């Protein structure tokens, strides 16, 4: 091969490599040019589904494309998480999932991937602060009184959660360990069943969002003992926090966040994040969130990513201390 021919071949290879490298940024600049699939790893009609259908109109307005919401239930949300984690990192298949799916399941269940490694955070969508509700038969009207009652009645108090290994469950397991009290956990298949059980005094304590238990407070059918937030909730100003009850730094929320496959280009992540922030700033969304007992998060994408890493360490430690393994 002549020097000229070799030069032409090398030049052609360099051009081909350059063209392949530029495909990602070029595609990102045009993003989105077709509908975006939003995978929710739970059944349709749940909290995540409601949140996304509330946020979608404003997001679609910003992005100029439709968001197609698809339910992928199964394995405590792991099926949907794995589907998105293995998708092309082009921004056209993303996931909206809960606290468990990002920072808990990998410590309590056998998984073939770590969501924190396989996914890139886009934005937190909603915070559902947890409230500790008790049946009125429990002789306590705040959490300090409840702890005193629990210490004198070891093993006689039952507490419920929407499912074993959820943040609702782990929050009480941490309280048990830190306070040195003995309570029996009763897992349910969702929040509605747990709320019915605490109303019927089949269990004495149930931890869930305000929308699920709040309607029963005014009628005196439930008592709010504490909220698992840094500050008192504007909707429940009379109810103290767990921090006030003597548990420094103890907060818990069933939050929902959006993520994309690892390797998704920065411009795409930024476009999705800006669309979420636009939607969260809408007055209609804020009003609807308030009615659902949901707080609109204010974290930046970087803050959300940092909080995931920090929270994962907390729940990993609790699952280890409490020896929680979900089969």
Protein backbone atom coordinates (compact mmCIF):
# COMPACT_ATOMS: atom_id res chain seq x y z
CA UNK A 1 0.00 0.00 0.00
CA UNK A 2 1.34 3.39 -0.98
CA UNK A 3 2.00 6.19 1.50
CA UNK A 4 -0.93 8.12 0.01
CA UNK A 5 -3.27 5.16 0.32
CA UNK A 6 -2.17 4.54 3.90
CA UNK A 7 -2.73 8.20 4.69
CA UNK A 8 -6.19 8.09 3.18
CA UNK A 9 -7.04 4.96 5.18
CA UNK A 10 -5.86 6.48 8.46
CA UNK A 11 -7.76 9.68 7.74
CA UNK A 12 -10.88 7.67 7.02
CA UNK A 13 -10.57 5.75 10.29
CA UNK A 14 -10.07 8.96 12.26
CA UNK A 15 -13.12 10.50 10.62
CA UNK A 16 -15.21 7.42 11.39
CA UNK A 17 -14.16 7.44 15.04
CA UNK A 18 -14.86 11.15 15.32
CA UNK A 19 -18.29 10.67 13.80
CA UNK A 20 -19.16 7.87 16.21
CA UNK A 21 -18.02 9.92 19.21
CA UNK A 22 -20.13 12.87 18.12
CA UNK A 23 -23.32 10.85 17.86
CA UNK A 24 -24.05 11.12 21.59
CA UNK A 25 -23.76 14.92 21.90
CA UNK A 26 -25.60 15.49 18.63
CA UNK A 27 -28.47 13.29 19.75
CA UNK A 28 -28.54 15.06 23.10
CA UNK A 29 -28.81 18.43 21.40
CA UNK A 30 -31.92 17.30 19.53
CA UNK A 31 -33.47 15.72 22.63
CA UNK A 32 -36.29 14.92 22.81
CA UNK A 33 -37.50 14.27 19.27
CA UNK A 34 -39.97 11.51 20.16
CA UNK A 35 -42.12 10.44 23.13
CA UNK A 36 -40.38 9.53 26.40
CA UNK A 37 -41.32 6.33 28.22
CA UNK A 38 -41.66 6.72 31.98
CA UNK A 39 -41.50 3.38 33.78
CA UNK A 40 -43.23 3.13 37.15
CA UNK A 41 -42.34 -0.13 38.92
CA UNK A 42 -45.74 -0.49 40.60
CA UNK A 43 -49.33 -1.05 39.54
CA UNK A 44 -51.22 1.72 37.80
CA UNK A 45 -53.25 4.06 39.99
CA UNK A 46 -50.77 4.23 42.85
CA UNK A 47 -48.94 7.22 44.31
CA UNK A 48 -46.22 7.35 41.64
CA UNK A 49 -48.80 7.11 38.89
CA UNK A 50 -50.80 9.96 40.42
CA UNK A 51 -47.70 12.12 40.85
CA UNK A 52 -46.54 11.65 37.27
CA UNK A 53 -49.96 12.32 35.79
CA UNK A 54 -50.02 15.54 37.79
CA UNK A 55 -46.54 16.60 36.65
CA UNK A 56 -46.77 15.37 33.06
CA UNK A 57 -48.69 18.26 31.44
CA UNK A 58 -46.14 20.89 32.47
CA UNK A 59 -43.22 18.60 31.72
CA UNK A 60 -44.58 17.86 28.24
CA UNK A 61 -45.04 21.55 27.65
CA UNK A 62 -41.40 22.18 28.51
CA UNK A 63 -39.99 19.18 26.63
CA UNK A 64 -42.26 19.40 23.59
CA UNK A 65 -42.91 15.66 23.66
CA UNK A 66 -45.40 13.31 25.28
CA UNK A 67 -44.55 11.29 28.39
CA UNK A 68 -45.87 7.73 28.07
CA UNK A 69 -46.40 6.33 31.57
CA UNK A 70 -46.01 2.55 31.79
CA UNK A 71 -46.49 0.33 34.84
CA UNK A 72 -43.94 -2.46 35.41
CA UNK A 73 -44.91 -3.98 38.78
CA UNK A 74 -43.17 -6.87 40.45
CA UNK A 75 -40.49 -7.85 42.96
CA UNK A 76 -41.03 -4.75 45.15
CA UNK A 77 -40.29 -2.54 42.17
CA UNK A 78 -37.06 -4.28 41.19
CA UNK A 79 -38.35 -5.47 37.81
CA UNK A 80 -38.98 -1.95 36.58
CA UNK A 81 -35.69 -0.70 38.02
CA UNK A 82 -33.70 -3.38 36.22
CA UNK A 83 -35.50 -2.72 32.94
CA UNK A 84 -34.52 0.94 32.96
CA UNK A 85 -31.01 0.29 34.28
CA UNK A 86 -30.36 -1.92 31.24
CA UNK A 87 -31.94 0.45 28.71
CA UNK A 88 -30.06 2.61 26.23
CA UNK A 89 -28.83 5.79 27.99
CA UNK A 90 -30.56 8.06 25.49
CA UNK A 91 -33.22 9.63 27.73
CA UNK A 92 -36.15 7.85 26.11
CA UNK A 93 -36.71 5.34 28.91
CA UNK A 94 -36.57 6.70 32.46
CA UNK A 95 -37.93 5.55 35.80
CA UNK A 96 -39.97 7.08 38.60
CA UNK A 97 -39.51 5.03 41.74
CA UNK A 98 -39.71 5.20 45.52
CA UNK A 99 -37.27 5.37 48.44
CA UNK A 100 -37.06 1.57 48.58
CA UNK A 101 -36.07 1.20 44.97
CA UNK A 102 -33.13 3.58 45.24
CA UNK A 103 -31.69 3.12 48.74
CA UNK A 104 -33.16 0.07 50.52
CA UNK A 105 -33.96 -2.97 48.36
CA UNK A 106 -30.32 -3.64 47.50
CA UNK A 107 -29.68 -4.24 51.21
CA UNK A 108 -32.73 -6.36 52.02
CA UNK A 109 -33.19 -8.40 48.84
CA UNK A 110 -31.08 -10.33 46.35
CA UNK A 111 -30.52 -8.02 43.39
CA UNK A 112 -28.29 -8.35 40.35
CA UNK A 113 -27.47 -4.65 40.37
CA UNK A 114 -27.10 -1.68 42.69
CA UNK A 115 -29.52 1.09 41.66
CA UNK A 116 -27.08 3.75 42.85
CA UNK A 117 -24.49 2.37 40.43
CA UNK A 118 -26.78 1.52 37.52
CA UNK A 119 -28.92 4.68 37.48
CA UNK A 120 -28.23 8.40 37.37
CA UNK A 121 -30.51 10.62 39.50
CA UNK A 122 -32.53 13.20 37.57
CA UNK A 123 -34.73 14.84 40.22
CA UNK A 124 -36.72 14.22 43.37
CA UNK A 125 -40.41 14.55 42.52
CA UNK A 126 -42.24 14.38 45.81
CA UNK A 127 -41.77 13.88 49.54
CA UNK A 128 -44.42 11.95 51.46
CA UNK A 129 -43.52 12.60 55.14
CA UNK A 130 -44.25 9.71 57.45
CA UNK A 131 -46.62 10.14 60.37
CA UNK A 132 -46.82 7.71 63.28
CA UNK A 133 -50.51 7.01 63.85
CA UNK A 134 -51.84 5.13 66.88
CA UNK A 135 -55.18 3.68 67.82
CA UNK A 136 -56.86 5.88 70.50
CA UNK A 137 -56.85 2.93 72.89
CA UNK A 138 -53.09 3.41 73.29
CA UNK A 139 -52.62 5.52 76.47
CA UNK A 140 -50.37 8.11 74.79
CA UNK A 141 -50.97 11.39 72.98
CA UNK A 142 -47.39 12.08 71.94
CA UNK A 143 -44.34 9.98 71.19
CA UNK A 144 -42.63 10.52 74.53
CA UNK A 145 -45.69 9.09 76.28
CA UNK A 146 -45.78 6.24 73.76
CA UNK A 147 -42.17 5.30 74.52
CA UNK A 148 -42.92 5.18 78.24
CA UNK A 149 -45.91 2.91 77.56
CA UNK A 150 -43.87 0.68 75.22
CA UNK A 151 -41.10 0.23 77.79
CA UNK A 152 -43.55 -1.05 80.38
CA UNK A 153 -45.30 -3.34 77.89
CA UNK A 154 -42.52 -5.22 76.06
CA UNK A 155 -43.71 -7.44 73.21
CA UNK A 156 -47.36 -6.42 73.63
CA UNK A 157 -47.43 -3.60 71.05
CA UNK A 158 -47.78 -4.38 67.36
CA UNK A 159 -46.85 -1.96 64.62
CA UNK A 160 -47.65 -2.26 60.95
CA UNK A 161 -46.08 -1.26 57.65
CA UNK A 162 -47.26 -1.35 54.01
CA UNK A 163 -44.71 -4.16 53.46
CA UNK A 164 -41.66 -5.64 55.09
CA UNK A 165 -38.46 -3.79 54.26
CA UNK A 166 -40.14 -0.50 53.39
CA UNK A 167 -38.92 2.78 54.82
CA UNK A 168 -42.08 2.74 56.98
CA UNK A 169 -40.91 -0.54 58.49
CA UNK A 170 -37.22 0.39 58.86
CA UNK A 171 -38.08 3.67 60.59
CA UNK A 172 -39.75 1.77 63.46
CA UNK A 173 -36.97 -0.83 63.53
CA UNK A 174 -34.50 1.98 64.11
CA UNK A 175 -36.66 3.38 66.90
CA UNK A 176 -36.81 -0.07 68.50
CA UNK A 177 -33.03 -0.38 68.40
CA UNK A 178 -32.25 3.16 69.55
CA UNK A 179 -34.88 3.26 72.30
CA UNK A 180 -34.42 -0.32 73.42
CA UNK A 181 -38.11 -1.21 73.17
CA UNK A 182 -39.72 -4.47 72.05
CA UNK A 183 -42.56 -4.27 69.51
CA UNK A 184 -43.88 -6.81 67.01
CA UNK A 185 -43.91 -5.95 63.30
CA UNK A 186 -46.93 -6.86 61.16
CA UNK A 187 -46.44 -6.34 57.40
CA UNK A 188 -49.43 -5.66 55.16
CA UNK A 189 -49.97 -5.63 51.41
CA UNK A 190 -50.22 -1.88 51.09
CA UNK A 191 -51.21 1.13 53.17
CA UNK A 192 -55.04 0.82 52.99
CA UNK A 193 -54.99 -2.55 54.75
CA UNK A 194 -52.68 -1.23 57.45
CA UNK A 195 -54.83 1.82 58.09
CA UNK A 196 -57.91 -0.41 58.47
CA UNK A 197 -56.01 -2.61 60.92
CA UNK A 198 -54.96 0.26 63.19
CA UNK A 199 -58.49 1.68 63.06
CA UNK A 200 -59.80 -1.70 64.24
CA UNK A 201 -57.06 -1.89 66.93
CA UNK A 202 -55.72 -5.08 65.36
CA UNK A 203 -52.38 -3.28 65.52
CA UNK A 204 -51.58 -0.33 67.75
CA UNK A 205 -49.27 1.71 65.53
CA UNK A 206 -49.03 2.33 61.79
CA UNK A 207 -46.62 4.64 59.98
CA UNK A 208 -47.84 6.14 56.73
CA UNK A 209 -48.33 9.40 54.85
CA UNK A 210 -50.77 12.04 56.03
CA UNK A 211 -53.19 11.47 53.16
CA UNK A 212 -53.79 7.87 54.27
CA UNK A 213 -54.26 8.42 58.00
CA UNK A 214 -55.01 12.12 58.32
CA UNK A 215 -58.74 12.00 57.51
CA UNK A 216 -59.31 9.93 60.66
CA UNK A 217 -57.67 12.42 63.04
CA UNK A 218 -60.52 14.93 63.22
CA UNK A 219 -62.98 12.15 64.03
CA UNK A 220 -60.76 10.89 66.84
CA UNK A 221 -60.36 7.47 65.24
CA UNK A 222 -56.58 7.84 65.13
CA UNK A 223 -53.97 9.78 67.08
CA UNK A 224 -50.87 11.30 65.46
CA UNK A 225 -47.98 10.65 67.85
CA UNK A 226 -45.11 12.12 65.82
CA UNK A 227 -43.91 13.11 62.38
CA UNK A 228 -40.63 11.85 60.90
CA UNK A 229 -39.53 15.23 59.55
CA UNK A 230 -36.83 17.76 60.44
CA UNK A 231 -39.48 20.36 61.31
CA UNK A 232 -43.14 20.10 62.22
CA UNK A 233 -45.53 19.83 59.30
CA UNK A 234 -47.63 22.92 58.52
CA UNK A 235 -50.59 20.55 58.15
CA UNK A 236 -50.00 19.13 61.68
CA UNK A 237 -48.41 21.96 63.68
CA UNK A 238 -49.47 20.45 67.00
CA UNK A 239 -47.64 17.16 66.39
CA UNK A 240 -43.99 16.98 67.42
CA UNK A 241 -41.15 15.42 65.46
CA UNK A 242 -39.17 12.31 66.35
CA UNK A 243 -36.18 14.60 66.74
CA UNK A 244 -38.06 16.51 69.45
CA UNK A 245 -38.86 13.18 71.11
CA UNK A 246 -35.16 12.46 71.55
CA UNK A 247 -34.03 10.85 68.27
CA UNK A 248 -31.46 13.23 66.74
CA UNK A 249 -31.44 13.25 62.95
CA UNK A 250 -34.20 10.65 62.65
CA UNK A 251 -36.28 11.50 59.60
CA UNK A 252 -38.12 9.32 57.13
CA UNK A 253 -40.19 9.88 54.04
CA UNK A 254 -41.55 7.72 51.28
CA UNK A 255 -40.20 10.01 48.57
CA UNK A 256 -40.36 9.54 44.82
CA UNK A 257 -37.58 10.31 42.38
CA UNK A 258 -36.76 10.17 38.68
CA UNK A 259 -33.64 8.51 37.28
CA UNK A 260 -32.12 7.56 33.93
CA UNK A 261 -29.71 4.78 32.90
CA UNK A 262 -26.07 5.33 33.78
CA UNK A 263 -24.25 7.10 30.98
CA UNK A 264 -27.14 9.32 29.93
CA UNK A 265 -25.60 12.55 28.51
CA UNK A 266 -25.56 15.62 30.73
CA UNK A 267 -27.71 17.78 28.39
CA UNK A 268 -30.49 15.18 28.55
CA UNK A 269 -30.32 14.93 32.33
CA UNK A 270 -30.45 18.71 32.55
CA UNK A 271 -33.45 18.92 30.20
CA UNK A 272 -35.40 16.39 32.26
CA UNK A 273 -34.47 18.07 35.54
CA UNK A 274 -35.56 21.49 34.29
CA UNK A 275 -38.87 20.04 33.12
CA UNK A 276 -39.48 18.57 36.59
CA UNK A 277 -38.61 21.83 38.32
CA UNK A 278 -40.97 23.73 36.01
CA UNK A 279 -43.79 21.35 36.87
CA UNK A 280 -43.12 21.50 40.63
CA UNK A 281 -43.29 25.31 40.58
CA UNK A 282 -46.79 25.28 39.09
CA UNK A 283 -49.47 26.55 41.50
CA UNK A 284 -51.92 23.82 40.52
CA UNK A 285 -49.36 21.13 41.33
CA UNK A 286 -48.54 22.72 44.68
CA UNK A 287 -52.22 22.92 45.63
CA UNK A 288 -52.83 19.31 44.66
CA UNK A 289 -49.72 18.15 46.52
CA UNK A 290 -50.91 19.90 49.68
CA UNK A 291 -54.25 18.14 49.46
CA UNK A 292 -52.42 14.80 49.17
CA UNK A 293 -50.11 15.46 52.14
CA UNK A 294 -47.13 15.68 49.78
CA UNK A 295 -44.28 18.17 49.99
CA UNK A 296 -42.71 19.52 46.80
CA UNK A 297 -38.93 19.03 47.07
CA UNK A 298 -36.50 21.87 46.45
CA UNK A 299 -33.22 19.95 46.05
CA UNK A 300 -30.99 20.49 43.05
CA UNK A 301 -30.00 17.43 41.03
CA UNK A 302 -26.63 17.40 42.76
CA UNK A 303 -28.23 17.60 46.20
CA UNK A 304 -30.61 14.78 45.33
CA UNK A 305 -27.70 12.56 44.26
CA UNK A 306 -25.80 13.34 47.47
CA UNK A 307 -28.86 12.60 49.61
CA UNK A 308 -29.27 9.20 47.95
CA UNK A 309 -25.74 8.17 48.91
CA UNK A 310 -26.18 9.42 52.48
CA UNK A 311 -29.58 7.79 52.96
CA UNK A 312 -28.38 4.47 51.55
CA UNK A 313 -25.72 4.30 54.29
CA UNK A 314 -28.35 4.91 56.98
CA UNK A 315 -30.76 2.21 55.83
CA UNK A 316 -27.95 -0.25 55.12
CA UNK A 317 -26.88 0.08 58.75
CA UNK A 318 -30.43 -0.38 60.05
CA UNK A 319 -31.04 -3.50 57.95
CA UNK A 320 -27.76 -4.92 59.25
CA UNK A 321 -28.49 -4.11 62.90
CA UNK A 322 -32.04 -5.44 62.69
CA UNK A 323 -31.05 -8.40 60.51
CA UNK A 324 -33.78 -7.70 57.96
CA UNK A 325 -33.74 -9.96 54.90
CA UNK A 326 -36.67 -10.16 52.48
CA UNK A 327 -37.02 -13.50 50.68
